[in-house]
Structures are given as structure tokens and as C-alpha cells.
């Protein structure tokens, strides 16, 4: 085998290994990344407590002081 072919095979093998490792790493990252929650975020106007509630409610009662609060819009 000529040195040119050996060098080419070495470079291709290294690039293939790095590509496989990158794809594996991306697969693992996506698998363990939590999905975004669909819950609404609320902040109590009385005690400033921040909490979440289901996405089907427009107003929610604070778990600390029972004040009705509107959803926070980001």
C-alpha cells in the first residue's frame, strides 16, 4: 500500500469515527432532554409566589394564599 493511500484511509477512518461519535452524542442528548411543559405559569399578586397550573385554566388559585391570579405572558 502506498503512503498516499494509507494517509487517505487514516483520515477517512478518523472522520468516520468522529461523525459516528457526534451522531451518537446528539441522539443521547435529545433522548434525555426534557420536553417543554405545556403548563401555564402564574405569579401571585399578593405573595409573589411563582407556580404552574394546567394549560386549560385561565385563572388559578395560589397554593400559598388562595388568591386568584392571571397567567403570566412572556
N, C-alpha and C. Protein backbone atom coordinates (compact mmCIF):
# COMPACT_ATOMS: atom_id res chain seq x y z
N UNK A 1 0.85 -1.18 0.00
CA UNK A 1 0.00 0.00 0.00
C UNK A 1 0.89 1.24 0.00
N UNK A 2 0.55 2.18 -0.83
CA UNK A 2 1.37 3.38 -0.91
C UNK A 2 1.07 4.30 0.27
N UNK A 3 2.01 5.17 0.62
CA UNK A 3 1.79 6.09 1.74
C UNK A 3 0.59 7.01 1.53
N UNK A 4 0.33 7.38 0.27
CA UNK A 4 -0.82 8.24 -0.01
C UNK A 4 -2.13 7.55 0.35
N UNK A 5 -2.26 6.29 -0.03
CA UNK A 5 -3.48 5.54 0.26
C UNK A 5 -3.62 5.28 1.76
N UNK A 6 -2.51 5.04 2.45
CA UNK A 6 -2.55 4.83 3.90
C UNK A 6 -3.00 6.10 4.62
N UNK A 7 -2.46 7.24 4.19
CA UNK A 7 -2.84 8.51 4.79
C UNK A 7 -4.32 8.81 4.53
N UNK A 8 -4.78 8.57 3.30
CA UNK A 8 -6.18 8.78 2.96
C UNK A 8 -7.09 7.88 3.79
N UNK A 9 -6.73 6.62 3.95
CA UNK A 9 -7.53 5.68 4.75
C UNK A 9 -7.56 6.13 6.21
N UNK A 10 -6.45 6.61 6.74
CA UNK A 10 -6.38 7.08 8.12
C UNK A 10 -7.30 8.29 8.32
N UNK A 11 -7.28 9.24 7.41
CA UNK A 11 -8.11 10.44 7.51
C UNK A 11 -9.59 10.06 7.41
N UNK A 12 -9.94 9.20 6.46
CA UNK A 12 -11.33 8.78 6.30
C UNK A 12 -11.80 8.03 7.54
N UNK A 13 -10.98 7.18 8.09
CA UNK A 13 -11.34 6.43 9.29
C UNK A 13 -11.55 7.37 10.48
N UNK A 14 -10.69 8.35 10.66
CA UNK A 14 -10.84 9.31 11.76
C UNK A 14 -12.10 10.16 11.59
N UNK A 15 -12.36 10.63 10.39
CA UNK A 15 -13.56 11.43 10.15
C UNK A 15 -14.83 10.61 10.34
N UNK A 16 -14.80 9.36 9.92
CA UNK A 16 -15.95 8.48 10.13
C UNK A 16 -16.19 8.25 11.62
N UNK A 17 -15.13 8.04 12.37
CA UNK A 17 -15.26 7.84 13.81
C UNK A 17 -15.82 9.08 14.50
N UNK A 18 -15.35 10.24 14.12
CA UNK A 18 -15.85 11.48 14.72
C UNK A 18 -17.31 11.72 14.35
N UNK A 19 -17.70 11.39 13.13
CA UNK A 19 -19.10 11.54 12.70
C UNK A 19 -20.01 10.61 13.48
N UNK A 20 -19.60 9.35 13.63
CA UNK A 20 -20.40 8.39 14.38
C UNK A 20 -20.53 8.84 15.83
N UNK A 21 -19.44 9.30 16.44
CA UNK A 21 -19.48 9.79 17.81
C UNK A 21 -20.40 11.00 17.94
N UNK A 22 -20.35 11.93 16.99
CA UNK A 22 -21.21 13.11 17.02
C UNK A 22 -22.67 12.75 16.90
N UNK A 23 -23.00 11.82 16.01
CA UNK A 23 -24.39 11.39 15.87
C UNK A 23 -24.88 10.68 17.13
N UNK A 24 -24.03 9.85 17.72
CA UNK A 24 -24.39 9.15 18.95
C UNK A 24 -24.62 10.16 20.08
N UNK A 25 -23.74 11.14 20.20
CA UNK A 25 -23.86 12.16 21.24
C UNK A 25 -25.16 12.95 21.05
N UNK A 26 -25.51 13.33 19.83
CA UNK A 26 -26.73 14.07 19.56
C UNK A 26 -27.96 13.23 19.89
N UNK A 27 -27.93 11.95 19.56
CA UNK A 27 -29.03 11.04 19.88
C UNK A 27 -29.23 10.97 21.39
N UNK A 28 -28.15 10.83 22.14
CA UNK A 28 -28.26 10.75 23.60
C UNK A 28 -28.75 12.07 24.20
N UNK A 29 -28.29 13.20 23.67
CA UNK A 29 -28.71 14.50 24.18
C UNK A 29 -30.21 14.70 23.97
N UNK A 30 -30.72 14.37 22.81
CA UNK A 30 -32.15 14.53 22.54
C UNK A 30 -32.99 13.57 23.35
N UNK A 31 -32.46 12.40 23.62
CA UNK A 31 -33.21 11.40 24.36
C UNK A 31 -33.43 11.81 25.81
N UNK A 32 -32.45 12.47 26.43
CA UNK A 32 -32.53 12.81 27.84
C UNK A 32 -32.90 14.26 28.11
N UNK A 33 -33.08 15.06 27.09
CA UNK A 33 -33.51 16.44 27.28
C UNK A 33 -35.01 16.46 27.58
N UNK A 34 -35.41 17.09 28.67
CA UNK A 34 -36.84 17.10 28.99
C UNK A 34 -37.63 17.90 27.96
N UNK A 35 -38.83 17.46 27.70
CA UNK A 35 -39.70 18.19 26.77
C UNK A 35 -40.30 19.40 27.48
N UNK A 36 -40.54 20.46 26.75
CA UNK A 36 -41.12 21.64 27.39
C UNK A 36 -42.52 21.36 27.91
N UNK A 37 -42.83 21.93 29.05
CA UNK A 37 -44.13 21.73 29.68
C UNK A 37 -45.17 22.63 29.01
N UNK A 38 -46.38 22.13 28.93
CA UNK A 38 -47.48 22.91 28.36
C UNK A 38 -48.25 23.67 29.44
N UNK A 39 -47.82 23.56 30.69
CA UNK A 39 -48.50 24.24 31.78
C UNK A 39 -48.32 25.76 31.68
N UNK A 40 -49.28 26.48 32.24
CA UNK A 40 -49.19 27.94 32.30
C UNK A 40 -48.47 28.35 33.59
N UNK A 41 -47.76 29.46 33.51
CA UNK A 41 -47.02 29.98 34.65
C UNK A 41 -47.82 31.13 35.26
N UNK A 42 -47.93 31.10 36.58
CA UNK A 42 -48.67 32.13 37.31
C UNK A 42 -47.76 32.75 38.37
N UNK A 43 -48.00 34.01 38.67
CA UNK A 43 -47.30 34.69 39.76
C UNK A 43 -48.35 35.37 40.61
N UNK A 44 -48.33 35.06 41.90
CA UNK A 44 -49.33 35.60 42.81
C UNK A 44 -49.12 37.10 43.00
N UNK A 45 -50.20 37.84 42.88
CA UNK A 45 -50.12 39.30 43.07
C UNK A 45 -50.07 39.67 44.55
N UNK A 46 -50.39 38.73 45.43
CA UNK A 46 -50.40 39.01 46.86
C UNK A 46 -49.06 38.63 47.52
N UNK A 47 -48.61 37.39 47.30
CA UNK A 47 -47.39 36.92 47.99
C UNK A 47 -46.20 36.73 47.06
N UNK A 48 -46.34 36.98 45.75
CA UNK A 48 -45.28 36.89 44.74
C UNK A 48 -44.77 35.47 44.52
N UNK A 49 -45.56 34.48 44.87
CA UNK A 49 -45.20 33.08 44.67
C UNK A 49 -45.39 32.73 43.19
N UNK A 50 -44.40 32.06 42.58
CA UNK A 50 -44.48 31.64 41.18
C UNK A 50 -44.81 30.16 41.15
N UNK A 51 -45.82 29.78 40.36
CA UNK A 51 -46.26 28.39 40.29
C UNK A 51 -46.84 28.10 38.92
N UNK A 52 -47.05 26.83 38.62
CA UNK A 52 -47.65 26.42 37.35
C UNK A 52 -48.98 25.73 37.60
N UNK A 53 -49.81 25.74 36.56
CA UNK A 53 -51.09 25.05 36.60
C UNK A 53 -51.39 24.53 35.20
N UNK A 54 -52.40 23.73 35.08
CA UNK A 54 -52.75 23.12 33.79
C UNK A 54 -52.98 24.19 32.73
N UNK A 55 -52.83 23.77 31.47
CA UNK A 55 -52.98 24.74 30.38
C UNK A 55 -54.44 25.01 30.02
N UNK A 56 -55.38 24.34 30.68
CA UNK A 56 -56.79 24.58 30.36
C UNK A 56 -57.46 25.59 31.30
N UNK A 57 -56.70 26.23 32.18
CA UNK A 57 -57.26 27.23 33.09
C UNK A 57 -56.70 28.61 32.75
N UNK A 58 -57.55 29.62 32.80
CA UNK A 58 -57.11 30.99 32.53
C UNK A 58 -56.71 31.70 33.81
N UNK A 59 -57.38 31.36 34.91
CA UNK A 59 -57.07 31.93 36.22
C UNK A 59 -56.85 30.78 37.18
N UNK A 60 -55.89 30.97 38.09
CA UNK A 60 -55.56 29.89 39.01
C UNK A 60 -55.44 30.44 40.43
N UNK A 61 -55.75 29.59 41.38
CA UNK A 61 -55.67 29.97 42.79
C UNK A 61 -54.27 29.67 43.31
N UNK A 62 -53.68 30.64 44.00
CA UNK A 62 -52.34 30.49 44.57
C UNK A 62 -52.35 29.40 45.65
N UNK A 63 -51.38 28.47 45.62
CA UNK A 63 -51.34 27.44 46.65
C UNK A 63 -50.95 27.96 48.03
N UNK A 64 -50.31 29.14 48.09
CA UNK A 64 -49.90 29.70 49.39
C UNK A 64 -51.00 30.50 50.07
N UNK A 65 -51.61 31.42 49.32
CA UNK A 65 -52.54 32.34 49.97
C UNK A 65 -53.94 32.32 49.36
N UNK A 66 -54.19 31.48 48.40
CA UNK A 66 -55.52 31.29 47.77
C UNK A 66 -56.03 32.51 47.02
N UNK A 67 -55.18 33.34 46.52
CA UNK A 67 -55.58 34.49 45.71
C UNK A 67 -55.70 34.05 44.25
N UNK A 68 -56.74 34.50 43.55
CA UNK A 68 -56.88 34.19 42.13
C UNK A 68 -55.93 35.05 41.32
N UNK A 69 -55.23 34.43 40.38
CA UNK A 69 -54.22 35.14 39.58
C UNK A 69 -54.37 34.83 38.11
N UNK A 70 -53.97 35.78 37.28
CA UNK A 70 -53.97 35.58 35.83
C UNK A 70 -52.62 35.01 35.41
N UNK A 71 -52.62 34.41 34.25
CA UNK A 71 -51.41 33.81 33.68
C UNK A 71 -50.38 34.89 33.33
N UNK A 72 -49.10 34.57 33.48
CA UNK A 72 -48.01 35.47 33.08
C UNK A 72 -47.81 35.29 31.59
N UNK A 73 -47.76 36.39 30.85
CA UNK A 73 -47.46 36.35 29.42
C UNK A 73 -46.01 36.73 29.21
N UNK A 74 -45.24 35.86 28.58
CA UNK A 74 -43.83 36.13 28.31
C UNK A 74 -43.66 36.81 26.99
